[in-house]
Amino acid sequence: MITEPLQWICAVLGALMVGISKAGITGLSILSVALFTHVFPSSKQASGLVLPLLIFGDIVAVRPIGRTHNGAICGKLMPWTAARGSCSGIL
């Protein structure tokens, strides 16, 4: 549980770094995991928190494009092996 102000600052900075890394600056997501390990006692919890943040960032990024996309082209771009791996990873 987050109880100290420094932990809140690290959590907010980590979330901002995840968003900035989704915008194209790679490498910041690694730093965000390091900040989240300062907030949470184990690195598994920290990396487990980063995954939903990344998924939410993808949803926010793809949602505006949803009305104008071409499903046939998107289906060709994503190999079905990756789709199966992503679905099995979620389960």
C-alpha atoms as a PDB file:
ATOM      1  CA  MET A   1       0.000   0.000   0.000  1.00  0.00           C
ATOM      2  CA  ILE A   2       1.236   3.463  -0.854  1.00  0.00           C
ATOM      3  CA  THR A   3       1.609   5.441   2.358  1.00  0.00           C
ATOM      4  CA  GLU A   4       4.459   7.905   1.871  1.00  0.00           C
ATOM      5  CA  PRO A   5       4.512  10.969  -0.408  1.00  0.00           C
ATOM      6  CA  LEU A   6       7.717   9.759  -2.084  1.00  0.00           C
ATOM      7  CA  GLN A   7       5.950   6.547  -3.089  1.00  0.00           C
ATOM      8  CA  TRP A   8       3.111   8.556  -4.625  1.00  0.00           C
ATOM      9  CA  ILE A   9       5.597  10.677  -6.547  1.00  0.00           C
ATOM     10  CA  CYS A  10       7.382   7.556  -7.836  1.00  0.00           C
ATOM     11  CA  ALA A  11       4.067   5.958  -8.845  1.00  0.00           C
ATOM     12  CA  VAL A  12       2.900   9.042 -10.742  1.00  0.00           C
ATOM     13  CA  LEU A  13       6.278   9.487 -12.446  1.00  0.00           C
ATOM     14  CA  GLY A  14       6.277   5.809 -13.388  1.00  0.00           C
ATOM     15  CA  ALA A  15       2.817   6.086 -14.932  1.00  0.00           C
ATOM     16  CA  LEU A  16       3.870   9.187 -16.861  1.00  0.00           C
ATOM     17  CA  MET A  17       6.978   7.401 -18.089  1.00  0.00           C
ATOM     18  CA  VAL A  18       4.863   4.515 -19.341  1.00  0.00           C
ATOM     19  CA  GLY A  19       2.715   6.975 -21.295  1.00  0.00           C
ATOM     20  CA  ILE A  20       5.724   8.764 -22.732  1.00  0.00           C
ATOM     21  CA  SER A  21       7.337   5.467 -23.698  1.00  0.00           C
ATOM     22  CA  LYS A  22       4.151   4.518 -25.564  1.00  0.00           C
ATOM     23  CA  ALA A  23       4.448   7.814 -27.456  1.00  0.00           C
ATOM     24  CA  GLY A  24       7.777   6.742 -28.927  1.00  0.00           C
ATOM     25  CA  ILE A  25      10.570   7.326 -26.449  1.00  0.00           C
ATOM     26  CA  THR A  26      11.712   3.803 -25.784  1.00  0.00           C
ATOM     27  CA  GLY A  27      13.636   2.876 -22.687  1.00  0.00           C
ATOM     28  CA  LEU A  28      11.513   4.888 -20.295  1.00  0.00           C
ATOM     29  CA  SER A  29       9.356   1.855 -19.578  1.00  0.00           C
ATOM     30  CA  ILE A  30      12.375   0.177 -17.994  1.00  0.00           C
ATOM     31  CA  LEU A  31      12.839   3.190 -15.739  1.00  0.00           C
ATOM     32  CA  SER A  32       9.158   3.104 -14.832  1.00  0.00           C
ATOM     33  CA  VAL A  33       9.503  -0.487 -13.648  1.00  0.00           C
ATOM     34  CA  ALA A  34      12.429   0.632 -11.490  1.00  0.00           C
ATOM     35  CA  LEU A  35      10.284   3.376  -9.990  1.00  0.00           C
ATOM     36  CA  PHE A  36       7.445   0.947  -9.360  1.00  0.00           C
ATOM     37  CA  THR A  37       9.826  -1.399  -7.560  1.00  0.00           C
ATOM     38  CA  HIS A  38      10.464   1.455  -5.134  1.00  0.00           C
ATOM     39  CA  VAL A  39       6.707   1.682  -4.522  1.00  0.00           C
ATOM     40  CA  PHE A  40       5.926  -2.036  -4.291  1.00  0.00           C
ATOM     41  CA  PRO A  41       7.892  -4.606  -2.284  1.00  0.00           C
ATOM     42  CA  SER A  42       8.532  -7.077  -5.105  1.00  0.00           C
ATOM     43  CA  SER A  43       9.585  -6.664  -8.696  1.00  0.00           C
ATOM     44  CA  LYS A  44       6.847  -9.085  -9.804  1.00  0.00           C
ATOM     45  CA  GLN A  45       4.210  -6.724  -8.463  1.00  0.00           C
ATOM     46  CA  ALA A  46       5.882  -3.762 -10.145  1.00  0.00           C
ATOM     47  CA  SER A  47       6.084  -5.423 -13.545  1.00  0.00           C
ATOM     48  CA  GLY A  48       2.558  -6.767 -13.063  1.00  0.00           C
ATOM     49  CA  LEU A  49       1.334  -3.203 -12.629  1.00  0.00           C
ATOM     50  CA  VAL A  50       3.083  -1.982 -15.765  1.00  0.00           C
ATOM     51  CA  LEU A  51       1.278  -4.474 -18.048  1.00  0.00           C
ATOM     52  CA  PRO A  52      -2.239  -3.064 -17.458  1.00  0.00           C
ATOM     53  CA  LEU A  53      -0.845   0.442 -17.942  1.00  0.00           C
ATOM     54  CA  LEU A  54       0.591  -0.591 -21.307  1.00  0.00           C
ATOM     55  CA  ILE A  55      -2.671  -2.281 -22.352  1.00  0.00           C
ATOM     56  CA  PHE A  56      -4.665   0.815 -21.364  1.00  0.00           C
ATOM     57  CA  GLY A  57      -2.269   2.970 -23.373  1.00  0.00           C
ATOM     58  CA  ASP A  58      -2.816   0.757 -26.422  1.00  0.00           C
ATOM     59  CA  ILE A  59      -6.594   0.992 -26.051  1.00  0.00           C
ATOM     60  CA  VAL A  60      -6.460   4.777 -25.769  1.00  0.00           C
ATOM     61  CA  ALA A  61      -4.188   5.000 -28.812  1.00  0.00           C
ATOM     62  CA  VAL A  62      -6.218   2.665 -31.033  1.00  0.00           C
ATOM     63  CA  ARG A  63      -9.701   3.858 -30.114  1.00  0.00           C
ATOM     64  CA  PRO A  64      -9.717   7.028 -32.278  1.00  0.00           C
ATOM     65  CA  ILE A  65      -8.563   4.996 -35.276  1.00  0.00           C
ATOM     66  CA  GLY A  66     -11.325   2.411 -34.797  1.00  0.00           C
ATOM     67  CA  ARG A  67     -13.853   4.093 -37.071  1.00  0.00           C
ATOM     68  CA  THR A  68     -11.576   4.535 -40.044  1.00  0.00           C
ATOM     69  CA  HIS A  69      -9.514   1.338 -40.083  1.00  0.00           C
ATOM     70  CA  ASN A  70      -9.619  -1.361 -42.720  1.00  0.00           C
ATOM     71  CA  GLY A  71      -9.964  -4.768 -41.058  1.00  0.00           C
ATOM     72  CA  ALA A  72      -8.523  -6.677 -44.017  1.00  0.00           C
ATOM     73  CA  ILE A  73      -5.287  -4.706 -43.952  1.00  0.00           C
ATOM     74  CA  CYS A  74      -4.990  -5.012 -40.171  1.00  0.00           C
ATOM     75  CA  GLY A  75      -5.484  -8.768 -40.441  1.00  0.00           C
ATOM     76  CA  LYS A  76      -2.610  -9.019 -42.903  1.00  0.00           C
ATOM     77  CA  LEU A  77      -0.323  -6.964 -40.717  1.00  0.00           C
ATOM     78  CA  MET A  78      -0.744  -9.079 -37.583  1.00  0.00           C
ATOM     79  CA  PRO A  79       0.396 -12.663 -37.945  1.00  0.00           C
ATOM     80  CA  TRP A  80      -2.036 -15.142 -36.464  1.00  0.00           C
ATOM     81  CA  THR A  81       0.704 -16.744 -34.426  1.00  0.00           C
ATOM     82  CA  ALA A  82       1.178 -13.465 -32.582  1.00  0.00           C
ATOM     83  CA  ALA A  83      -2.571 -13.173 -32.042  1.00  0.00           C
ATOM     84  CA  ARG A  84      -2.725 -16.668 -30.558  1.00  0.00           C
ATOM     85  CA  GLY A  85       0.262 -15.947 -28.340  1.00  0.00           C
ATOM     86  CA  SER A  86      -1.289 -12.699 -27.129  1.00  0.00           C
ATOM     87  CA  CYS A  87      -4.609 -14.383 -26.361  1.00  0.00           C
ATOM     88  CA  SER A  88      -2.982 -17.272 -24.527  1.00  0.00           C
ATOM     89  CA  GLY A  89      -0.836 -14.810 -22.563  1.00  0.00           C
ATOM     90  CA  ILE A  90      -3.952 -12.962 -21.400  1.00  0.00           C
ATOM     91  CA  LEU A  91      -5.535 -16.187 -20.172  1.00  0.00           C
END
